Amino acid sequence: MKILDRYILVSFVKTFLSVFTILMLIFILQSVWRFIDEFAGKDIDLEIISKFLLFLLPNLIPMVLPLTILLTSIMTFGSFAEQYEFAAMKSAGISLQRAMRSLIVFILLLGAVTFYFANTVIPYAEGKVLNMRKNIAQVKPSMAIIEGAFNDMGNINIKVNKKSGPDGRNLDDVIIHKKSENRVGNYTVIKADHGVLESAETSSLLSLVLYDGNYYDEVRTRTYQQKLKAPFVKSAFDKYVLNIDLSGFNDVDLDDESLKHPYKMLNTSELKIQLDSFSIDYVEGRQRLNRLINQRSGLQRTLNSATKLDSSSKRKINQTSADGISKDSILSTDQEKNSPYSIYEDFSIDSLFWEYPYRQRSQIFNVATNSVNSITPQIISKKNQFKQKEILLNKMEMAMHSKYALPFACIILFFVGAPLGAIIRKGGLGLPMVVAIMVFLTYHFIGLFAGNSAEGGSLSPFLGSWLSTIILFPLSIYLTYRATTDQGFVNLDFIAVPLDKLVKNIKSKVFNIRKK
């Protein structure tokens, strides 16, 4: 490797690592704010939180890496142009493409690594994150009794007016709603003037000793009239001990990985198999629904009757032909083969319907109405199910194409950022940051809108994943050409020169103003 290639590559890699680290920290903080509600108040160990954030890092790569490549290329080549290093290269006969040669090799290798990363590491990390979120969601908040509010403690809900004593063990004005395993709802209420929490450090039982209270238990009734009387049993007590079993409280395996996702945890080969099986199931489901509707509507019976009627009609025609009727009045054998019989060509629903007497017509109409009313909810329900399946199939296909689109997007964004930096001739984090954010937001929102359209079926899943990359491809070619030929971003001379001449003519002829 020549000294110039090494110098450009080292400058690019240093900037790349710095920008990648900064952007990754920013996106990690944004992710912490996204998931902070899922960790709040649950006494989750710092080790579990660190593990969760570690598995979350690969999922941020599709956002961080393209922005890093775009910003790094703009900053690096903008710094070269600002410090006249490009001018020195061009004076020595080194073109922009020759200066980018080592970086092109680096970006191609980075694209290959990105595809491997997106195809293996990201699905694995996605599975870990999904299962950890599911397990953490099952963890209940840490057991702390808050004054003036109901608190969930195992099989009871407790509310206290005031806590006092060491560690808040003395409770005043206690109200307890006791849960029942056989009945849904609050049918047992315990009220006490005061109580004390007692438990040993090694015991899984929490003893709540209540003093001077009443025990209310609603009585089950057999009829609605008895229920309106709201019967209950009331008993008073001087001391009542309530034991709460905490052995099953927050007994959640945070390492459980039983949750599976239809496409986020799969690589490309697995996605192809999954996509084929889901597509076959979708097609078979629609065929089953079509057969069900035909059976319920009586269409199949009508077609069978029409077939019988068709065969009997042909026999009559043949008999008539045998008796000497002209051959022009019947169909030829070739015409019968090439023109299949259709019931709708010879009969109409109205003509068949009005052939029946009034009473039978009323019966037919009622049967048809009941059949339509009974099958319509099923059709609506199946329609919604098939719509969800279509969305899932589109998401699966987009997930497969996105793994291929990501490395190409990184390569194309490099060819957008490098010539753009050479054109704007600014390094650092000022103007390059603004330009990079504008270009990346354009790329991101095009991909976002295309993805949403593809999920709904209004756009092909292939375009949903590739549209933003396809749009930036001609832009990269245009910018590379402009930077190679030492031209600006846009040539406005064809507009500015005629306008300047027009303004001069107006000044000289209308206002008689001439430039000295």
Protein backbone atom coordinates (compact mmCIF):
# COMPACT_ATOMS: atom_id res chain seq x y z
CA MET A 1 0.00 0.00 0.00
CA LYS A 2 1.35 3.40 -0.97
CA ILE A 3 1.87 6.20 1.52
CA LEU A 4 -1.01 8.27 0.10
CA ASP A 5 -3.45 5.34 0.26
CA ARG A 6 -2.37 4.58 3.82
CA TYR A 7 -2.74 8.22 4.85
CA ILE A 8 -6.29 8.50 3.42
CA LEU A 9 -7.34 5.15 4.89
CA VAL A 10 -5.96 5.94 8.37
CA SER A 11 -7.64 9.37 8.37
CA PHE A 12 -10.95 7.80 7.35
CA VAL A 13 -10.80 4.94 9.88
CA LYS A 14 -9.92 7.27 12.79
CA THR A 15 -12.84 9.52 11.99
CA PHE A 16 -15.07 6.48 11.41
CA LEU A 17 -14.38 4.97 14.84
CA SER A 18 -14.89 8.31 16.62
CA VAL A 19 -18.16 9.07 14.86
CA PHE A 20 -19.41 5.48 15.29
CA THR A 21 -18.74 5.58 19.05
CA ILE A 22 -20.47 8.95 19.51
CA LEU A 23 -23.52 7.97 17.48
CA MET A 24 -23.80 4.61 19.21
CA LEU A 25 -23.79 6.31 22.62
CA ILE A 26 -26.50 8.71 21.46
CA PHE A 27 -28.71 5.88 20.21
CA ILE A 28 -28.09 3.85 23.38
CA LEU A 29 -29.29 6.78 25.51
CA GLN A 30 -32.33 7.10 23.28
CA SER A 31 -33.01 3.36 23.74
CA VAL A 32 -32.67 3.71 27.53
CA TRP A 33 -35.40 6.35 27.50
CA ARG A 34 -37.54 4.05 25.33
CA PHE A 35 -37.34 1.10 27.74
CA ILE A 36 -36.99 2.89 31.07
CA ASP A 37 -40.65 2.24 31.93
CA GLU A 38 -40.08 -1.51 31.63
CA PHE A 39 -37.29 -1.43 34.26
CA ALA A 40 -38.64 1.21 36.65
CA GLY A 41 -39.43 0.00 40.18
CA LYS A 42 -38.67 -3.70 39.57
CA ASP A 43 -35.32 -4.07 41.37
CA ILE A 44 -33.64 -5.38 38.22
CA ASP A 45 -29.95 -6.05 38.77
CA LEU A 46 -27.43 -3.85 37.01
CA GLU A 47 -26.02 -7.00 35.42
CA ILE A 48 -29.37 -7.75 33.74
CA ILE A 49 -29.71 -4.16 32.50
CA SER A 50 -26.15 -4.19 31.11
CA LYS A 51 -26.83 -7.51 29.41
CA PHE A 52 -30.02 -6.12 27.87
CA LEU A 53 -28.19 -3.05 26.51
CA LEU A 54 -25.38 -5.26 25.18
CA PHE A 55 -27.83 -7.35 23.15
CA LEU A 56 -29.54 -4.15 22.04
CA LEU A 57 -26.37 -2.81 20.40
CA PRO A 58 -26.54 -4.98 17.22
CA ASN A 59 -30.13 -3.87 16.62
CA LEU A 60 -28.91 -0.27 16.38
CA ILE A 61 -26.42 -1.06 13.60
CA PRO A 62 -28.93 -0.56 10.72
CA MET A 63 -29.41 3.03 11.92
CA VAL A 64 -25.93 3.89 13.19
CA LEU A 65 -23.70 2.39 10.47
CA PRO A 66 -25.16 4.16 7.37
CA LEU A 67 -25.16 7.51 9.18
CA THR A 68 -21.59 6.91 10.36
CA ILE A 69 -20.33 6.14 6.84
CA LEU A 70 -22.12 9.18 5.39
CA LEU A 71 -20.87 11.59 8.05
CA THR A 72 -17.33 10.18 8.07
CA SER A 73 -16.94 10.42 4.29
CA ILE A 74 -18.23 14.02 4.26
CA MET A 75 -15.92 15.03 7.14
CA THR A 76 -12.83 13.29 5.76
CA PHE A 77 -13.06 14.50 2.17
CA GLY A 78 -14.32 17.91 3.28
CA SER A 79 -11.24 18.26 5.47
CA PHE A 80 -8.96 17.22 2.56
CA ALA A 81 -10.58 19.84 0.31
CA GLU A 82 -10.58 22.55 2.99
CA GLN A 83 -6.85 22.10 3.67
CA TYR A 84 -6.04 22.05 -0.08
CA GLU A 85 -4.81 18.46 0.11
CA PHE A 86 -7.02 17.55 -2.82
CA ALA A 87 -5.54 20.44 -4.78
CA ALA A 88 -2.07 19.04 -4.13
CA MET A 89 -3.23 15.56 -5.21
CA LYS A 90 -4.76 16.88 -8.43
CA SER A 91 -1.65 18.91 -9.21
CA ALA A 92 0.28 15.65 -8.94
CA GLY A 93 -2.13 14.00 -11.40
CA ILE A 94 -4.14 12.03 -8.80
CA SER A 95 -7.86 12.07 -9.50
CA LEU A 96 -10.69 11.73 -6.98
CA GLN A 97 -11.30 8.10 -7.98
CA ARG A 98 -7.59 7.30 -7.47
CA ALA A 99 -7.68 8.94 -4.04
CA MET A 100 -10.77 6.91 -3.10
CA ARG A 101 -9.28 3.58 -4.20
CA SER A 102 -8.18 2.34 -0.76
CA LEU A 103 -11.43 3.51 0.80
CA ILE A 104 -13.48 1.75 -1.88
CA VAL A 105 -11.79 -1.54 -0.96
CA PHE A 106 -12.41 -0.81 2.73
CA ILE A 107 -16.10 0.01 2.15
CA LEU A 108 -16.63 -3.14 0.05
CA LEU A 109 -15.12 -5.28 2.81
CA LEU A 110 -17.24 -3.42 5.37
CA GLY A 111 -20.34 -4.12 3.25
CA ALA A 112 -19.59 -7.86 3.24
CA VAL A 113 -19.08 -7.83 7.00
CA THR A 114 -22.30 -5.86 7.40
CA PHE A 115 -24.28 -8.48 5.48
CA TYR A 116 -22.84 -11.28 7.63
CA PHE A 117 -23.61 -9.24 10.74
CA ALA A 118 -27.18 -8.51 9.62
CA ASN A 119 -27.75 -12.16 8.68
CA THR A 120 -26.37 -13.81 11.83
CA VAL A 121 -25.63 -11.51 14.76
CA ILE A 122 -28.65 -9.19 14.53
CA PRO A 123 -31.26 -12.04 14.45
CA TYR A 124 -29.55 -13.69 17.45
CA ALA A 125 -29.45 -10.41 19.40
CA GLU A 126 -33.05 -9.65 18.39
CA GLY A 127 -34.15 -12.98 19.90
CA LYS A 128 -32.31 -12.21 23.13
CA VAL A 129 -33.86 -8.74 23.40
CA LEU A 130 -37.40 -9.96 22.71
CA ASN A 131 -37.17 -12.74 25.31
CA MET A 132 -35.59 -10.46 27.92
CA ARG A 133 -38.33 -7.86 27.39
CA LYS A 134 -40.96 -10.57 27.79
CA ASN A 135 -39.36 -11.89 30.98
CA ILE A 136 -38.81 -8.43 32.47
CA ALA A 137 -42.45 -7.52 31.76
CA GLN A 138 -43.52 -10.46 33.95
CA VAL A 139 -41.51 -9.15 36.90
CA LYS A 140 -43.76 -7.33 39.33
CA PRO A 141 -42.72 -4.02 40.92
CA SER A 142 -40.74 -4.31 44.12
CA MET A 143 -43.04 -4.89 47.07
CA ALA A 144 -43.37 -1.56 48.86
CA ILE A 145 -46.53 -0.39 50.61
CA ILE A 146 -47.40 3.14 49.56
CA GLU A 147 -49.60 5.21 51.84
CA GLY A 148 -53.06 6.10 50.57
CA ALA A 149 -53.07 3.66 47.61
CA PHE A 150 -53.82 0.00 47.02
CA ASN A 151 -50.70 -2.18 46.74
CA ASP A 152 -50.56 -5.64 45.17
CA MET A 153 -49.00 -8.18 47.56
CA GLY A 154 -49.45 -11.69 46.30
CA ASN A 155 -53.09 -12.71 46.75
CA ILE A 156 -54.21 -9.50 48.46
CA ASN A 157 -54.51 -5.77 47.71
CA ILE A 158 -53.73 -3.66 50.75
CA LYS A 159 -54.25 0.03 51.48
CA VAL A 160 -52.97 1.83 54.59
CA ASN A 161 -53.52 5.38 55.70
CA LYS A 162 -50.21 5.79 57.52
CA LYS A 163 -46.98 3.87 58.19
CA SER A 164 -44.79 4.30 61.28
CA GLY A 165 -42.21 2.51 63.39
CA PRO A 166 -38.96 0.88 62.24
CA ASP A 167 -38.96 0.15 58.48
CA GLY A 168 -42.61 1.27 58.32
CA ARG A 169 -43.87 -1.97 59.92
CA ASN A 170 -46.71 -0.35 61.90
CA LEU A 171 -49.77 0.27 59.73
CA ASP A 172 -52.83 2.42 60.55
CA ASP A 173 -56.34 2.18 59.02
CA VAL A 174 -55.76 -0.99 57.03
CA ILE A 175 -58.12 -2.08 54.22
CA ILE A 176 -57.49 -5.41 52.48
CA HIS A 177 -59.20 -6.89 49.42
CA LYS A 178 -58.55 -10.61 49.40
CA LYS A 179 -58.44 -12.44 46.06
CA SER A 180 -60.27 -15.72 45.58
CA GLU A 181 -59.11 -18.62 43.41
CA ASN A 182 -62.66 -19.71 42.56
CA ARG A 183 -64.30 -16.32 41.97
CA VAL A 184 -63.23 -13.32 39.92
CA GLY A 185 -63.59 -10.04 41.81
CA ASN A 186 -63.25 -8.62 45.33
CA TYR A 187 -65.70 -10.56 47.54
CA THR A 188 -63.71 -10.55 50.79
CA VAL A 189 -62.81 -7.29 52.57
CA ILE A 190 -60.89 -6.93 55.81
CA LYS A 191 -60.77 -3.63 57.71
CA ALA A 192 -58.64 -3.04 60.81
CA ASP A 193 -57.68 -0.06 62.95
CA HIS A 194 -54.01 -0.94 62.89
CA GLY A 195 -51.63 -3.78 62.03
CA VAL A 196 -48.01 -4.92 62.17
CA LEU A 197 -45.83 -6.59 59.54
CA GLU A 198 -43.78 -9.47 60.96
CA SER A 199 -41.40 -11.73 59.03
CA ALA A 200 -38.04 -13.43 59.40
CA GLU A 201 -35.22 -12.66 56.97
CA THR A 202 -34.90 -16.30 55.85
CA SER A 203 -38.63 -17.02 55.70
CA SER A 204 -40.74 -16.83 52.53
CA LEU A 205 -43.86 -16.03 54.60
CA LEU A 206 -44.92 -12.52 55.50
CA SER A 207 -47.17 -12.31 58.56
CA LEU A 208 -49.59 -9.39 58.77
CA VAL A 209 -51.09 -9.12 62.28
CA LEU A 210 -54.28 -7.03 62.33
CA TYR A 211 -55.96 -5.61 65.47
CA ASP A 212 -59.53 -4.40 66.16
CA GLY A 213 -61.22 -4.95 62.85
CA ASN A 214 -64.00 -6.61 60.86
CA TYR A 215 -64.08 -9.36 58.26
CA TYR A 216 -66.64 -9.00 55.44
CA ASP A 217 -67.41 -11.86 53.07
CA GLU A 218 -70.03 -11.59 50.32
CA VAL A 219 -72.42 -14.56 50.16
CA ARG A 220 -73.04 -16.30 46.88
CA THR A 221 -76.62 -16.18 45.67
CA ARG A 222 -78.56 -18.39 43.28
CA THR A 223 -81.05 -15.88 41.89
CA TYR A 224 -80.84 -12.33 40.68
CA GLN A 225 -83.41 -11.13 43.23
CA GLN A 226 -81.26 -12.46 46.07
CA LYS A 227 -78.20 -10.79 44.60
CA LEU A 228 -79.94 -7.40 44.67
CA LYS A 229 -80.11 -7.67 48.47
CA ALA A 230 -76.26 -7.92 48.58
CA PRO A 231 -76.06 -10.46 51.42
CA PHE A 232 -72.75 -10.73 53.30
CA VAL A 233 -71.25 -12.19 56.46
CA LYS A 234 -69.61 -9.87 58.98
CA SER A 235 -67.37 -10.97 61.82
CA ALA A 236 -65.41 -8.87 64.28
CA PHE A 237 -61.97 -9.71 65.63
CA ASP A 238 -59.51 -8.38 68.19
CA LYS A 239 -56.53 -10.00 66.49
CA TYR A 240 -56.25 -11.59 63.06
CA VAL A 241 -53.10 -13.04 61.54
CA LEU A 242 -52.83 -13.11 57.74
CA ASN A 243 -49.93 -15.09 56.27
CA ILE A 244 -48.79 -14.13 52.75
CA ASP A 245 -46.74 -16.65 50.77
CA LEU A 246 -43.99 -14.83 48.88
CA SER A 247 -42.25 -17.91 47.49
CA GLY A 248 -43.83 -17.46 44.05
CA PHE A 249 -43.55 -13.67 44.05
CA ASN A 250 -41.36 -12.56 41.11
CA ASP A 251 -40.32 -16.15 40.46
CA VAL A 252 -39.42 -15.31 36.85
CA ASP A 253 -36.66 -16.94 34.84
CA LEU A 254 -34.97 -14.00 33.11
CA ASP A 255 -32.93 -16.42 30.96
CA ASP A 256 -36.01 -18.05 29.46
CA GLU A 257 -35.92 -17.99 25.63
CA SER A 258 -39.20 -19.69 24.74
CA LEU A 259 -40.53 -16.71 22.77
CA LYS A 260 -40.21 -17.02 19.00
CA HIS A 261 -40.77 -14.36 16.35
CA PRO A 262 -41.90 -15.18 12.80
CA TYR A 263 -39.15 -13.14 11.07
CA LYS A 264 -37.00 -11.00 13.39
CA MET A 265 -34.98 -13.93 14.73
CA LEU A 266 -34.32 -15.65 11.37
CA ASN A 267 -31.55 -15.41 8.78
CA THR A 268 -32.12 -15.31 5.03
CA SER A 269 -32.25 -19.08 4.46
CA GLU A 270 -34.68 -19.56 7.35
CA LEU A 271 -36.76 -16.63 6.13
CA LYS A 272 -37.10 -18.24 2.69
CA ILE A 273 -38.39 -21.47 4.24
CA GLN A 274 -40.72 -19.54 6.55
CA LEU A 275 -41.98 -17.42 3.68
CA ASP A 276 -42.75 -20.48 1.54
CA SER A 277 -44.66 -22.25 4.33
CA PHE A 278 -46.66 -19.12 5.21
CA SER A 279 -47.49 -18.50 1.54
CA ILE A 280 -48.75 -22.06 1.07
CA ASP A 281 -50.84 -21.79 4.22
CA TYR A 282 -52.25 -18.45 3.05
CA VAL A 283 -53.24 -19.82 -0.39
CA GLU A 284 -54.80 -22.97 1.10
CA GLY A 285 -56.75 -20.86 3.59
CA ARG A 286 -58.25 -18.76 0.80
CA GLN A 287 -59.17 -21.89 -1.15
CA ARG A 288 -60.90 -23.36 1.91
CA LEU A 289 -62.85 -20.13 2.39
CA ASN A 290 -63.87 -20.13 -1.28
CA ARG A 291 -65.18 -23.69 -1.00
CA LEU A 292 -67.04 -22.83 2.20
CA ILE A 293 -68.74 -19.82 0.60
CA ASN A 294 -69.75 -21.87 -2.45
CA GLN A 295 -71.25 -24.56 -0.24
CA ARG A 296 -73.12 -22.12 1.97
CA SER A 297 -74.43 -20.07 -0.97
CA GLY A 298 -75.70 -23.10 -2.89
CA LEU A 299 -73.66 -22.22 -5.97
CA GLN A 300 -72.27 -25.73 -6.29
CA ARG A 301 -75.74 -27.27 -6.20
CA THR A 302 -76.86 -24.81 -8.90
CA LEU A 303 -73.92 -25.72 -11.12
CA ASN A 304 -74.61 -29.42 -10.63
CA SER A 305 -78.25 -28.88 -11.58
CA ALA A 306 -77.15 -26.90 -14.63
CA THR A 307 -74.88 -29.74 -15.70
CA LYS A 308 -77.76 -32.19 -15.53
CA LEU A 309 -79.98 -29.76 -17.42
CA ASP A 310 -77.23 -29.30 -20.01
CA SER A 311 -76.91 -33.05 -20.59
CA SER A 312 -80.68 -33.50 -20.91
CA SER A 313 -80.82 -30.59 -23.38
CA LYS A 314 -78.11 -32.18 -25.49
CA ARG A 315 -80.03 -35.46 -25.56
CA LYS A 316 -83.14 -33.62 -26.77
CA ILE A 317 -81.15 -31.85 -29.48
CA ASN A 318 -79.62 -35.09 -30.66
CA GLN A 319 -83.04 -36.72 -30.73
CA THR A 320 -84.42 -33.83 -32.74
CA SER A 321 -81.54 -34.07 -35.20
CA ALA A 322 -82.20 -37.78 -35.63
CA ASP A 323 -85.83 -37.06 -36.47
CA GLY A 324 -84.81 -34.94 -39.46
CA ILE A 325 -84.49 -31.42 -38.13
CA SER A 326 -82.07 -29.22 -40.09
CA LYS A 327 -78.44 -29.38 -39.02
CA ASP A 328 -78.21 -25.60 -38.95
CA SER A 329 -80.43 -25.52 -35.87
CA ILE A 330 -77.95 -27.40 -33.69
CA LEU A 331 -74.34 -26.93 -32.74
CA SER A 332 -71.67 -28.89 -34.55
CA THR A 333 -69.41 -31.27 -32.66
CA ASP A 334 -66.42 -28.96 -32.98
CA GLN A 335 -68.41 -26.00 -31.69
CA GLU A 336 -69.51 -28.01 -28.66
CA LYS A 337 -65.91 -28.80 -27.82
CA ASN A 338 -64.63 -25.25 -28.34
CA SER A 339 -67.63 -23.48 -26.72
CA PRO A 340 -68.28 -24.92 -23.24
CA TYR A 341 -71.79 -24.62 -21.93
CA SER A 342 -72.48 -21.83 -19.39
CA ILE A 343 -75.66 -21.61 -17.41
CA TYR A 344 -75.53 -17.80 -17.45
CA GLU A 345 -75.73 -17.69 -21.29
CA ASP A 346 -79.12 -19.46 -21.40
CA PHE A 347 -80.64 -18.61 -18.03
CA SER A 348 -80.77 -15.65 -15.66
CA ILE A 349 -81.48 -15.58 -11.95
CA ASP A 350 -84.57 -13.43 -12.49
CA SER A 351 -86.07 -15.76 -15.08
CA LEU A 352 -85.51 -18.81 -12.88
CA PHE A 353 -86.79 -17.05 -9.77
CA TRP A 354 -90.07 -15.91 -11.32
CA GLU A 355 -90.82 -19.41 -12.63
CA TYR A 356 -91.71 -20.47 -9.07
CA PRO A 357 -95.07 -19.76 -7.38
CA TYR A 358 -95.35 -16.90 -4.92
CA ARG A 359 -95.09 -19.07 -1.82
CA GLN A 360 -91.95 -20.81 -3.02
CA ARG A 361 -90.46 -17.50 -4.07
CA SER A 362 -90.96 -16.21 -0.52
CA GLN A 363 -89.32 -19.31 0.90
CA ILE A 364 -86.36 -19.01 -1.49
CA PHE A 365 -85.94 -15.34 -0.62
CA ASN A 366 -85.96 -16.06 3.15
CA VAL A 367 -83.47 -18.91 2.77
CA ALA A 368 -81.15 -16.73 0.68
CA THR A 369 -81.42 -13.84 3.16
CA ASN A 370 -80.64 -16.08 6.14
CA SER A 371 -77.73 -17.66 4.27
CA VAL A 372 -76.24 -14.25 3.43
CA ASN A 373 -76.73 -12.94 6.97
CA SER A 374 -75.07 -16.01 8.48
CA ILE A 375 -72.07 -16.08 6.18
CA THR A 376 -71.37 -12.31 6.08
CA PRO A 377 -69.78 -12.14 9.59
CA GLN A 378 -67.57 -15.10 8.72
CA ILE A 379 -66.45 -13.41 5.51
CA ILE A 380 -65.65 -10.17 7.39
CA SER A 381 -63.73 -12.08 10.06
CA LYS A 382 -61.78 -14.09 7.50
CA LYS A 383 -61.08 -10.94 5.52
CA ASN A 384 -59.44 -9.33 8.56
CA GLN A 385 -57.45 -12.51 9.23
CA PHE A 386 -56.20 -12.67 5.65
CA LYS A 387 -55.31 -8.97 5.82
CA GLN A 388 -53.14 -9.61 8.87
CA LYS A 389 -51.54 -12.59 7.14
CA GLU A 390 -50.79 -10.44 4.09
CA ILE A 391 -49.13 -7.84 6.32
CA LEU A 392 -47.08 -10.58 8.02
CA LEU A 393 -46.00 -12.04 4.67
CA ASN A 394 -44.98 -8.56 3.46
CA LYS A 395 -42.98 -7.95 6.65
CA MET A 396 -41.22 -11.29 6.29
CA GLU A 397 -40.26 -10.57 2.69
CA MET A 398 -39.11 -7.06 3.61
CA ALA A 399 -37.00 -8.45 6.46
CA MET A 400 -35.27 -10.78 4.00
CA HIS A 401 -34.61 -8.01 1.44
CA SER A 402 -33.44 -5.57 4.15
CA LYS A 403 -30.51 -7.84 4.99
CA TYR A 404 -29.30 -7.48 1.39
CA ALA A 405 -30.18 -3.77 1.11
CA LEU A 406 -28.20 -2.64 4.18
CA PRO A 407 -24.65 -3.31 2.83
CA PHE A 408 -25.56 -1.76 -0.54
CA ALA A 409 -26.94 1.30 1.26
CA CYS A 410 -23.64 1.69 3.15
CA ILE A 411 -21.66 1.53 -0.11
CA ILE A 412 -23.92 4.02 -1.92
CA LEU A 413 -23.93 6.44 1.02
CA PHE A 414 -20.13 6.45 0.87
CA PHE A 415 -20.26 7.46 -2.79
CA VAL A 416 -22.74 10.18 -1.80
CA GLY A 417 -20.74 11.51 1.15
CA ALA A 418 -17.21 11.43 -0.31
CA PRO A 419 -17.86 13.64 -3.38
CA LEU A 420 -20.26 15.79 -1.34
CA GLY A 421 -17.46 16.52 1.14
CA ALA A 422 -15.11 17.39 -1.73
CA ILE A 423 -17.75 19.77 -3.14
CA ILE A 424 -18.68 21.64 0.07
CA ARG A 425 -14.98 21.80 1.15
CA LYS A 426 -15.69 21.89 4.87
CA GLY A 427 -14.41 19.53 7.56
CA GLY A 428 -15.23 19.13 11.24
CA LEU A 429 -18.68 18.76 12.80
CA GLY A 430 -20.31 21.96 11.54
CA LEU A 431 -21.66 22.04 8.01
CA PRO A 432 -20.80 18.37 7.33
CA MET A 433 -23.01 17.33 10.25
CA VAL A 434 -25.94 19.39 8.93
CA VAL A 435 -25.57 18.05 5.39
CA ALA A 436 -25.16 14.46 6.60
CA ILE A 437 -28.27 14.65 8.78
CA MET A 438 -30.33 16.10 5.92
CA VAL A 439 -29.22 13.39 3.48
CA PHE A 440 -29.66 10.61 6.04
CA LEU A 441 -33.12 11.81 7.09
CA THR A 442 -34.12 11.83 3.43
CA TYR A 443 -32.81 8.27 3.07
CA HIS A 444 -34.44 7.14 6.33
CA PHE A 445 -37.87 8.66 5.74
CA ILE A 446 -38.05 7.37 2.17
CA GLY A 447 -37.32 3.89 3.54
CA LEU A 448 -39.85 4.38 6.34
CA PHE A 449 -42.67 5.51 4.06
CA ALA A 450 -41.86 2.80 1.52
CA GLY A 451 -41.86 0.17 4.27
CA ASN A 452 -45.22 1.29 5.62
CA SER A 453 -46.69 1.25 2.10
CA ALA A 454 -45.25 -2.21 1.46
CA GLU A 455 -46.73 -3.56 4.69
CA GLY A 456 -50.20 -2.46 3.59
CA GLY A 457 -49.75 -4.00 0.15
CA SER A 458 -49.79 -0.77 -1.85
CA LEU A 459 -46.10 -1.25 -2.74
CA SER A 460 -43.99 -4.30 -3.49
CA PRO A 461 -42.01 -5.60 -0.46
CA PHE A 462 -38.90 -5.55 -2.67
CA LEU A 463 -39.35 -1.81 -3.31
CA GLY A 464 -40.23 -1.27 0.35
CA SER A 465 -36.72 -2.43 1.28
CA TRP A 466 -34.77 -1.10 -1.70
CA LEU A 467 -36.51 2.16 -2.67
CA SER A 468 -34.35 4.51 -0.57
CA THR A 469 -31.17 2.81 -1.85
CA ILE A 470 -32.41 2.93 -5.46
CA ILE A 471 -33.16 6.67 -5.18
CA LEU A 472 -29.72 7.48 -3.74
CA PHE A 473 -27.89 5.48 -6.41
CA PRO A 474 -28.26 8.07 -9.25
CA LEU A 475 -27.46 10.82 -6.73
CA SER A 476 -24.15 9.10 -5.91
CA ILE A 477 -23.27 8.87 -9.61
CA TYR A 478 -24.18 12.54 -10.16
CA LEU A 479 -22.15 13.79 -7.17
CA THR A 480 -19.12 11.67 -8.08
CA TYR A 481 -19.20 13.10 -11.61
CA ARG A 482 -19.52 16.69 -10.37
CA ALA A 483 -16.68 16.28 -7.86
CA THR A 484 -14.42 14.58 -10.42
CA THR A 485 -14.87 17.40 -12.94
CA ASP A 486 -14.38 20.13 -10.29
CA GLN A 487 -17.93 21.45 -10.61
CA GLY A 488 -20.27 22.62 -7.91
CA PHE A 489 -23.27 20.79 -6.55
CA VAL A 490 -25.63 22.37 -9.08
CA ASN A 491 -24.75 24.50 -12.12
CA LEU A 492 -27.02 27.54 -11.93
CA ASP A 493 -25.34 29.53 -14.72
CA PHE A 494 -28.10 28.74 -17.21
CA ILE A 495 -30.47 30.58 -14.85
CA ALA A 496 -28.21 33.20 -13.28
CA VAL A 497 -26.61 34.53 -16.51
CA PRO A 498 -29.91 35.31 -18.35
CA LEU A 499 -31.33 36.90 -15.20
CA ASP A 500 -28.23 39.07 -14.82
CA LYS A 501 -28.51 40.23 -18.44
CA LEU A 502 -32.22 40.97 -17.98
CA VAL A 503 -31.57 43.09 -14.87
CA LYS A 504 -28.82 45.05 -16.67
CA ASN A 505 -31.09 45.73 -19.66
CA ILE A 506 -33.88 46.95 -17.38
CA LYS A 507 -31.50 49.29 -15.54
CA SER A 508 -30.02 50.73 -18.72
CA LYS A 509 -33.17 51.10 -20.81
CA VAL A 510 -35.94 51.78 -18.28
CA PHE A 511 -34.13 53.60 -15.49
CA ASN A 512 -31.23 54.87 -17.66
CA ILE A 513 -28.70 53.53 -15.15
CA ARG A 514 -25.38 52.56 -16.65
CA LYS A 515 -22.48 50.95 -14.88
CA LYS A 516 -19.41 53.13 -14.94
